[in-house]
Amino acid sequence: MNKARRKELSAIHAELEALMDRLSAVRDEEQEAFDSMPESLQSGERGQQMEDAIDAMSTAVDDIENVRSSLSELIE
């Protein structure tokens, strides 16, 4: 791989890291909001929606991390 393509992959890697950090922050805020709800609301429809969103964001963070790891291997 030439230097220009390696540099482009490094930039993409950095962008993915920034996106992962932003997504993690939103997920953490949603988790804190869920945790501060009364248990009766946590077990209701709104609480379930929040848990589903938290799970989906966690999966997305994991997926981004997997992509970043693959790019790291290419850059090295």
PDB file of N, CA and C in Angstrom:
ATOM      1  N   MET A   1       0.851  -1.169   0.000  1.00  0.00           N
ATOM      2  CA  MET A   1       0.000   0.000   0.000  1.00  0.00           C
ATOM      3  C   MET A   1       0.899   1.235   0.000  1.00  0.00           C
ATOM      4  N   ASN A   2       0.526   2.194  -0.825  1.00  0.00           N
ATOM      5  CA  ASN A   2       1.373   3.374  -0.883  1.00  0.00           C
ATOM      6  C   ASN A   2       1.071   4.338   0.268  1.00  0.00           C
ATOM      7  N   LYS A   3       1.930   5.332   0.383  1.00  0.00           N
ATOM      8  CA  LYS A   3       1.868   6.272   1.501  1.00  0.00           C
ATOM      9  C   LYS A   3       0.558   7.070   1.514  1.00  0.00           C
ATOM     10  N   ALA A   4       0.088   7.481   0.339  1.00  0.00           N
ATOM     11  CA  ALA A   4      -1.140   8.284   0.261  1.00  0.00           C
ATOM     12  C   ALA A   4      -2.353   7.488   0.736  1.00  0.00           C
ATOM     13  N   ARG A   5      -2.466   6.244   0.320  1.00  0.00           N
ATOM     14  CA  ARG A   5      -3.594   5.427   0.757  1.00  0.00           C
ATOM     15  C   ARG A   5      -3.493   5.101   2.248  1.00  0.00           C
ATOM     16  N   ARG A   6      -2.293   4.858   2.711  1.00  0.00           N
ATOM     17  CA  ARG A   6      -2.107   4.591   4.141  1.00  0.00           C
ATOM     18  C   ARG A   6      -2.512   5.825   4.965  1.00  0.00           C
ATOM     19  N   LYS A   7      -2.170   7.007   4.448  1.00  0.00           N
ATOM     20  CA  LYS A   7      -2.531   8.253   5.130  1.00  0.00           C
ATOM     21  C   LYS A   7      -4.051   8.426   5.156  1.00  0.00           C
ATOM     22  N   GLU A   8      -4.719   8.108   4.044  1.00  0.00           N
ATOM     23  CA  GLU A   8      -6.180   8.198   3.985  1.00  0.00           C
ATOM     24  C   GLU A   8      -6.821   7.227   4.975  1.00  0.00           C
ATOM     25  N   LEU A   9      -6.305   6.020   5.057  1.00  0.00           N
ATOM     26  CA  LEU A   9      -6.828   5.050   6.020  1.00  0.00           C
ATOM     27  C   LEU A   9      -6.618   5.527   7.454  1.00  0.00           C
ATOM     28  N   SER A  10      -5.500   6.178   7.711  1.00  0.00           N
ATOM     29  CA  SER A  10      -5.242   6.727   9.052  1.00  0.00           C
ATOM     30  C   SER A  10      -6.262   7.811   9.395  1.00  0.00           C
ATOM     31  N   ALA A  11      -6.610   8.632   8.400  1.00  0.00           N
ATOM     32  CA  ALA A  11      -7.603   9.679   8.626  1.00  0.00           C
ATOM     33  C   ALA A  11      -8.976   9.063   8.900  1.00  0.00           C
ATOM     34  N   ILE A  12      -9.340   8.047   8.152  1.00  0.00           N
ATOM     35  CA  ILE A  12     -10.610   7.355   8.371  1.00  0.00           C
ATOM     36  C   ILE A  12     -10.621   6.726   9.763  1.00  0.00           C
ATOM     37  N   HIS A  13      -9.506   6.133  10.145  1.00  0.00           N
ATOM     38  CA  HIS A  13      -9.373   5.518  11.472  1.00  0.00           C
ATOM     39  C   HIS A  13      -9.646   6.556  12.554  1.00  0.00           C
ATOM     40  N   ALA A  14      -9.067   7.744  12.405  1.00  0.00           N
ATOM     41  CA  ALA A  14      -9.258   8.813  13.390  1.00  0.00           C
ATOM     42  C   ALA A  14     -10.711   9.284  13.422  1.00  0.00           C
ATOM     43  N   GLU A  15     -11.334   9.390  12.257  1.00  0.00           N
ATOM     44  CA  GLU A  15     -12.738   9.792  12.198  1.00  0.00           C
ATOM     45  C   GLU A  15     -13.628   8.760  12.888  1.00  0.00           C
ATOM     46  N   LEU A  16     -13.342   7.493  12.661  1.00  0.00           N
ATOM     47  CA  LEU A  16     -14.123   6.443  13.313  1.00  0.00           C
ATOM     48  C   LEU A  16     -13.964   6.509  14.828  1.00  0.00           C
ATOM     49  N   GLU A  17     -12.765   6.808  15.280  1.00  0.00           N
ATOM     50  CA  GLU A  17     -12.538   6.926  16.719  1.00  0.00           C
ATOM     51  C   GLU A  17     -13.368   8.068  17.297  1.00  0.00           C
ATOM     52  N   ALA A  18     -13.401   9.199  16.587  1.00  0.00           N
ATOM     53  CA  ALA A  18     -14.189  10.344  17.054  1.00  0.00           C
ATOM     54  C   ALA A  18     -15.676  10.007  17.071  1.00  0.00           C
ATOM     55  N   LEU A  19     -16.154   9.330  16.034  1.00  0.00           N
ATOM     56  CA  LEU A  19     -17.561   8.925  15.987  1.00  0.00           C
ATOM     57  C   LEU A  19     -17.896   7.941  17.108  1.00  0.00           C
ATOM     58  N   MET A  20     -16.982   7.029  17.360  1.00  0.00           N
ATOM     59  CA  MET A  20     -17.200   6.056  18.420  1.00  0.00           C
ATOM     60  C   MET A  20     -17.284   6.764  19.777  1.00  0.00           C
ATOM     61  N   ASP A  21     -16.428   7.754  19.990  1.00  0.00           N
ATOM     62  CA  ASP A  21     -16.452   8.505  21.238  1.00  0.00           C
ATOM     63  C   ASP A  21     -17.778   9.259  21.405  1.00  0.00           C
ATOM     64  N   ARG A  22     -18.251   9.874  20.322  1.00  0.00           N
ATOM     65  CA  ARG A  22     -19.519  10.608  20.377  1.00  0.00           C
ATOM     66  C   ARG A  22     -20.678   9.669  20.652  1.00  0.00           C
ATOM     67  N   LEU A  23     -20.697   8.545  19.970  1.00  0.00           N
ATOM     68  CA  LEU A  23     -21.768   7.568  20.156  1.00  0.00           C
ATOM     69  C   LEU A  23     -21.732   7.000  21.572  1.00  0.00           C
ATOM     70  N   SER A  24     -20.560   6.740  22.084  1.00  0.00           N
ATOM     71  CA  SER A  24     -20.425   6.239  23.454  1.00  0.00           C
ATOM     72  C   SER A  24     -20.963   7.257  24.454  1.00  0.00           C
ATOM     73  N   ALA A  25     -20.704   8.526  24.205  1.00  0.00           N
ATOM     74  CA  ALA A  25     -21.178   9.582  25.106  1.00  0.00           C
ATOM     75  C   ALA A  25     -22.701   9.635  25.118  1.00  0.00           C
ATOM     76  N   VAL A  26     -23.312   9.537  23.942  1.00  0.00           N
ATOM     77  CA  VAL A  26     -24.783   9.543  23.873  1.00  0.00           C
ATOM     78  C   VAL A  26     -25.350   8.316  24.582  1.00  0.00           C
ATOM     79  N   ARG A  27     -24.728   7.168  24.333  1.00  0.00           N
ATOM     80  CA  ARG A  27     -25.172   5.933  24.997  1.00  0.00           C
ATOM     81  C   ARG A  27     -25.079   6.071  26.512  1.00  0.00           C
ATOM     82  N   ASP A  28     -23.966   6.628  26.989  1.00  0.00           N
ATOM     83  CA  ASP A  28     -23.775   6.790  28.428  1.00  0.00           C
ATOM     84  C   ASP A  28     -24.805   7.749  29.028  1.00  0.00           C
ATOM     85  N   GLU A  29     -25.140   8.813  28.287  1.00  0.00           N
ATOM     86  CA  GLU A  29     -26.171   9.735  28.760  1.00  0.00           C
ATOM     87  C   GLU A  29     -27.526   9.033  28.854  1.00  0.00           C
ATOM     88  N   GLU A  30     -27.824   8.233  27.844  1.00  0.00           N
ATOM     89  CA  GLU A  30     -29.096   7.494  27.848  1.00  0.00           C
ATOM     90  C   GLU A  30     -29.126   6.489  29.007  1.00  0.00           C
ATOM     91  N   GLN A  31     -27.986   5.851  29.262  1.00  0.00           N
ATOM     92  CA  GLN A  31     -27.906   4.897  30.375  1.00  0.00           C
ATOM     93  C   GLN A  31     -28.109   5.611  31.704  1.00  0.00           C
ATOM     94  N   GLU A  32     -27.508   6.781  31.864  1.00  0.00           N
ATOM     95  CA  GLU A  32     -27.683   7.550  33.093  1.00  0.00           C
ATOM     96  C   GLU A  32     -29.138   7.976  33.275  1.00  0.00           C
ATOM     97  N   ALA A  33     -29.784   8.382  32.176  1.00  0.00           N
ATOM     98  CA  ALA A  33     -31.195   8.767  32.245  1.00  0.00           C
ATOM     99  C   ALA A  33     -32.046   7.569  32.647  1.00  0.00           C
ATOM    100  N   PHE A  34     -31.746   6.424  32.064  1.00  0.00           N
ATOM    101  CA  PHE A  34     -32.485   5.205  32.409  1.00  0.00           C
ATOM    102  C   PHE A  34     -32.268   4.845  33.875  1.00  0.00           C
ATOM    103  N   ASP A  35     -31.020   4.890  34.313  1.00  0.00           N
ATOM    104  CA  ASP A  35     -30.689   4.515  35.689  1.00  0.00           C
ATOM    105  C   ASP A  35     -31.343   5.439  36.712  1.00  0.00           C
ATOM    106  N   SER A  36     -31.582   6.690  36.328  1.00  0.00           N
ATOM    107  CA  SER A  36     -32.173   7.634  37.282  1.00  0.00           C
ATOM    108  C   SER A  36     -33.695   7.595  37.291  1.00  0.00           C
ATOM    109  N   MET A  37     -34.288   6.792  36.403  1.00  0.00           N
ATOM    110  CA  MET A  37     -35.748   6.635  36.386  1.00  0.00           C
ATOM    111  C   MET A  37     -36.183   5.727  37.529  1.00  0.00           C
ATOM    112  N   PRO A  38     -37.379   5.970  38.045  1.00  0.00           N
ATOM    113  CA  PRO A  38     -37.924   5.030  39.039  1.00  0.00           C
ATOM    114  C   PRO A  38     -38.085   3.641  38.398  1.00  0.00           C
ATOM    115  N   GLU A  39     -37.962   2.615  39.194  1.00  0.00           N
ATOM    116  CA  GLU A  39     -38.060   1.245  38.682  1.00  0.00           C
ATOM    117  C   GLU A  39     -39.378   0.978  37.969  1.00  0.00           C
ATOM    118  N   SER A  40     -40.438   1.594  38.457  1.00  0.00           N
ATOM    119  CA  SER A  40     -41.744   1.372  37.825  1.00  0.00           C
ATOM    120  C   SER A  40     -41.753   1.882  36.382  1.00  0.00           C
ATOM    121  N   LEU A  41     -41.031   2.959  36.112  1.00  0.00           N
ATOM    122  CA  LEU A  41     -40.938   3.477  34.746  1.00  0.00           C
ATOM    123  C   LEU A  41     -39.924   2.687  33.912  1.00  0.00           C
ATOM    124  N   GLN A  42     -38.870   2.199  34.558  1.00  0.00           N
ATOM    125  CA  GLN A  42     -37.876   1.399  33.842  1.00  0.00           C
ATOM    126  C   GLN A  42     -38.504   0.146  33.239  1.00  0.00           C
ATOM    127  N   SER A  43     -39.445  -0.415  33.949  1.00  0.00           N
ATOM    128  CA  SER A  43     -40.060  -1.654  33.466  1.00  0.00           C
ATOM    129  C   SER A  43     -41.211  -1.399  32.492  1.00  0.00           C
ATOM    130  N   GLY A  44     -41.541  -0.142  32.281  1.00  0.00           N
ATOM    131  CA  GLY A  44     -42.609   0.195  31.360  1.00  0.00           C
ATOM    132  C   GLY A  44     -42.128   0.292  29.916  1.00  0.00           C
ATOM    133  N   GLU A  45     -43.028   0.734  29.051  1.00  0.00           N
ATOM    134  CA  GLU A  45     -42.725   0.813  27.619  1.00  0.00           C
ATOM    135  C   GLU A  45     -41.571   1.776  27.340  1.00  0.00           C
ATOM    136  N   ARG A  46     -41.590   2.930  27.979  1.00  0.00           N
ATOM    137  CA  ARG A  46     -40.520   3.920  27.765  1.00  0.00           C
ATOM    138  C   ARG A  46     -39.177   3.354  28.220  1.00  0.00           C
ATOM    139  N   GLY A  47     -39.158   2.701  29.350  1.00  0.00           N
ATOM    140  CA  GLY A  47     -37.921   2.100  29.837  1.00  0.00           C
ATOM    141  C   GLY A  47     -37.397   1.044  28.884  1.00  0.00           C
ATOM    142  N   GLN A  48     -38.302   0.237  28.333  1.00  0.00           N
ATOM    143  CA  GLN A  48     -37.896  -0.795  27.370  1.00  0.00           C
ATOM    144  C   GLN A  48     -37.314  -0.160  26.106  1.00  0.00           C
ATOM    145  N   GLN A  49     -37.925   0.924  25.660  1.00  0.00           N
ATOM    146  CA  GLN A  49     -37.403   1.624  24.487  1.00  0.00           C
ATOM    147  C   GLN A  49     -35.999   2.163  24.751  1.00  0.00           C
ATOM    148  N   MET A  50     -35.805   2.684  25.938  1.00  0.00           N
ATOM    149  CA  MET A  50     -34.489   3.208  26.300  1.00  0.00           C
ATOM    150  C   MET A  50     -33.459   2.079  26.340  1.00  0.00           C
ATOM    151  N   GLU A  51     -33.833   0.945  26.941  1.00  0.00           N
ATOM    152  CA  GLU A  51     -32.914  -0.191  26.991  1.00  0.00           C
ATOM    153  C   GLU A  51     -32.569  -0.690  25.593  1.00  0.00           C
ATOM    154  N   ASP A  52     -33.561  -0.729  24.714  1.00  0.00           N
ATOM    155  CA  ASP A  52     -33.319  -1.154  23.340  1.00  0.00           C
ATOM    156  C   ASP A  52     -32.348  -0.201  22.639  1.00  0.00           C
ATOM    157  N   ALA A  53     -32.529   1.096  22.871  1.00  0.00           N
ATOM    158  CA  ALA A  53     -31.637   2.089  22.263  1.00  0.00           C
ATOM    159  C   ALA A  53     -30.217   1.951  22.808  1.00  0.00           C
ATOM    160  N   ILE A  54     -30.105   1.730  24.095  1.00  0.00           N
ATOM    161  CA  ILE A  54     -28.786   1.554  24.720  1.00  0.00           C
ATOM    162  C   ILE A  54     -28.090   0.326  24.145  1.00  0.00           C
ATOM    163  N   ASP A  55     -28.826  -0.759  24.012  1.00  0.00           N
ATOM    164  CA  ASP A  55     -28.264  -1.987  23.437  1.00  0.00           C
ATOM    165  C   ASP A  55     -27.822  -1.770  21.991  1.00  0.00           C
ATOM    166  N   ALA A  56     -28.648  -1.067  21.213  1.00  0.00           N
ATOM    167  CA  ALA A  56     -28.312  -0.811  19.808  1.00  0.00           C
ATOM    168  C   ALA A  56     -27.068   0.066  19.698  1.00  0.00           C
ATOM    169  N   MET A  57     -26.970   1.068  20.562  1.00  0.00           N
ATOM    170  CA  MET A  57     -25.779   1.929  20.537  1.00  0.00           C
ATOM    171  C   MET A  57     -24.539   1.165  20.964  1.00  0.00           C
ATOM    172  N   SER A  58     -24.673   0.278  21.933  1.00  0.00           N
ATOM    173  CA  SER A  58     -23.536  -0.540  22.361  1.00  0.00           C
ATOM    174  C   SER A  58     -23.063  -1.442  21.225  1.00  0.00           C
ATOM    175  N   THR A  59     -24.003  -2.013  20.504  1.00  0.00           N
ATOM    176  CA  THR A  59     -23.656  -2.852  19.353  1.00  0.00           C
ATOM    177  C   THR A  59     -22.946  -2.025  18.290  1.00  0.00           C
ATOM    178  N   ALA A  60     -23.442  -0.822  18.044  1.00  0.00           N
ATOM    179  CA  ALA A  60     -22.817   0.054  17.043  1.00  0.00           C
ATOM    180  C   ALA A  60     -21.389   0.425  17.455  1.00  0.00           C
ATOM    181  N   VAL A  61     -21.189   0.717  18.735  1.00  0.00           N
ATOM    182  CA  VAL A  61     -19.839   1.035  19.226  1.00  0.00           C
ATOM    183  C   VAL A  61     -18.917  -0.161  19.010  1.00  0.00           C
ATOM    184  N   ASP A  62     -19.394  -1.343  19.321  1.00  0.00           N
ATOM    185  CA  ASP A  62     -18.590  -2.552  19.117  1.00  0.00           C
ATOM    186  C   ASP A  62     -18.268  -2.753  17.634  1.00  0.00           C
ATOM    187  N   ASP A  63     -19.243  -2.503  16.779  1.00  0.00           N
ATOM    188  CA  ASP A  63     -19.022  -2.657  15.335  1.00  0.00           C
ATOM    189  C   ASP A  63     -17.984  -1.658  14.825  1.00  0.00           C
ATOM    190  N   ILE A  64     -18.073  -0.425  15.289  1.00  0.00           N
ATOM    191  CA  ILE A  64     -17.087   0.584  14.886  1.00  0.00           C
ATOM    192  C   ILE A  64     -15.704   0.176  15.364  1.00  0.00           C
ATOM    193  N   GLU A  65     -15.617  -0.332  16.577  1.00  0.00           N
ATOM    194  CA  GLU A  65     -14.319  -0.776  17.105  1.00  0.00           C
ATOM    195  C   GLU A  65     -13.749  -1.904  16.251  1.00  0.00           C
ATOM    196  N   ASN A  66     -14.587  -2.808  15.788  1.00  0.00           N
ATOM    197  CA  ASN A  66     -14.108  -3.884  14.921  1.00  0.00           C
ATOM    198  C   ASN A  66     -13.562  -3.341  13.604  1.00  0.00           C
ATOM    199  N   VAL A  67     -14.238  -2.360  13.042  1.00  0.00           N
ATOM    200  CA  VAL A  67     -13.758  -1.730  11.807  1.00  0.00           C
ATOM    201  C   VAL A  67     -12.427  -1.035  12.059  1.00  0.00           C
ATOM    202  N   ARG A  68     -12.347  -0.318  13.159  1.00  0.00           N
ATOM    203  CA  ARG A  68     -11.094   0.373  13.518  1.00  0.00           C
ATOM    204  C   ARG A  68      -9.955  -0.634  13.658  1.00  0.00           C
ATOM    205  N   SER A  69     -10.210  -1.761  14.285  1.00  0.00           N
ATOM    206  CA  SER A  69      -9.171  -2.778  14.455  1.00  0.00           C
ATOM    207  C   SER A  69      -8.706  -3.303  13.116  1.00  0.00           C
ATOM    208  N   SER A  70      -9.646  -3.520  12.211  1.00  0.00           N
ATOM    209  CA  SER A  70      -9.276  -3.976  10.868  1.00  0.00           C
ATOM    210  C   SER A  70      -8.430  -2.942  10.151  1.00  0.00           C
ATOM    211  N   LEU A  71      -8.798  -1.683  10.277  1.00  0.00           N
ATOM    212  CA  LEU A  71      -8.006  -0.625   9.650  1.00  0.00           C
ATOM    213  C   LEU A  71      -6.615  -0.527  10.265  1.00  0.00           C
ATOM    214  N   SER A  72      -6.539  -0.731  11.560  1.00  0.00           N
ATOM    215  CA  SER A  72      -5.228  -0.695  12.229  1.00  0.00           C
ATOM    216  C   SER A  72      -4.281  -1.711  11.640  1.00  0.00           C
ATOM    217  N   GLU A  73      -4.812  -2.896  11.365  1.00  0.00           N
ATOM    218  CA  GLU A  73      -3.992  -3.941  10.764  1.00  0.00           C
ATOM    219  C   GLU A  73      -3.501  -3.536   9.374  1.00  0.00           C
ATOM    220  N   LEU A  74      -4.341  -2.851   8.631  1.00  0.00           N
ATOM    221  CA  LEU A  74      -3.949  -2.408   7.295  1.00  0.00           C
ATOM    222  C   LEU A  74      -2.905  -1.304   7.333  1.00  0.00           C
ATOM    223  N   ILE A  75      -3.020  -0.429   8.314  1.00  0.00           N
ATOM    224  CA  ILE A  75      -2.122   0.722   8.419  1.00  0.00           C
ATOM    225  C   ILE A  75      -0.716   0.296   8.848  1.00  0.00           C
ATOM    226  N   GLU A  76      -0.638  -0.716   9.664  1.00  0.00           N
ATOM    227  CA  GLU A  76       0.665  -1.152  10.194  1.00  0.00           C
ATOM    228  C   GLU A  76       1.558  -1.722   9.149  1.00  0.00           C
TER     229      GLU A  76
END
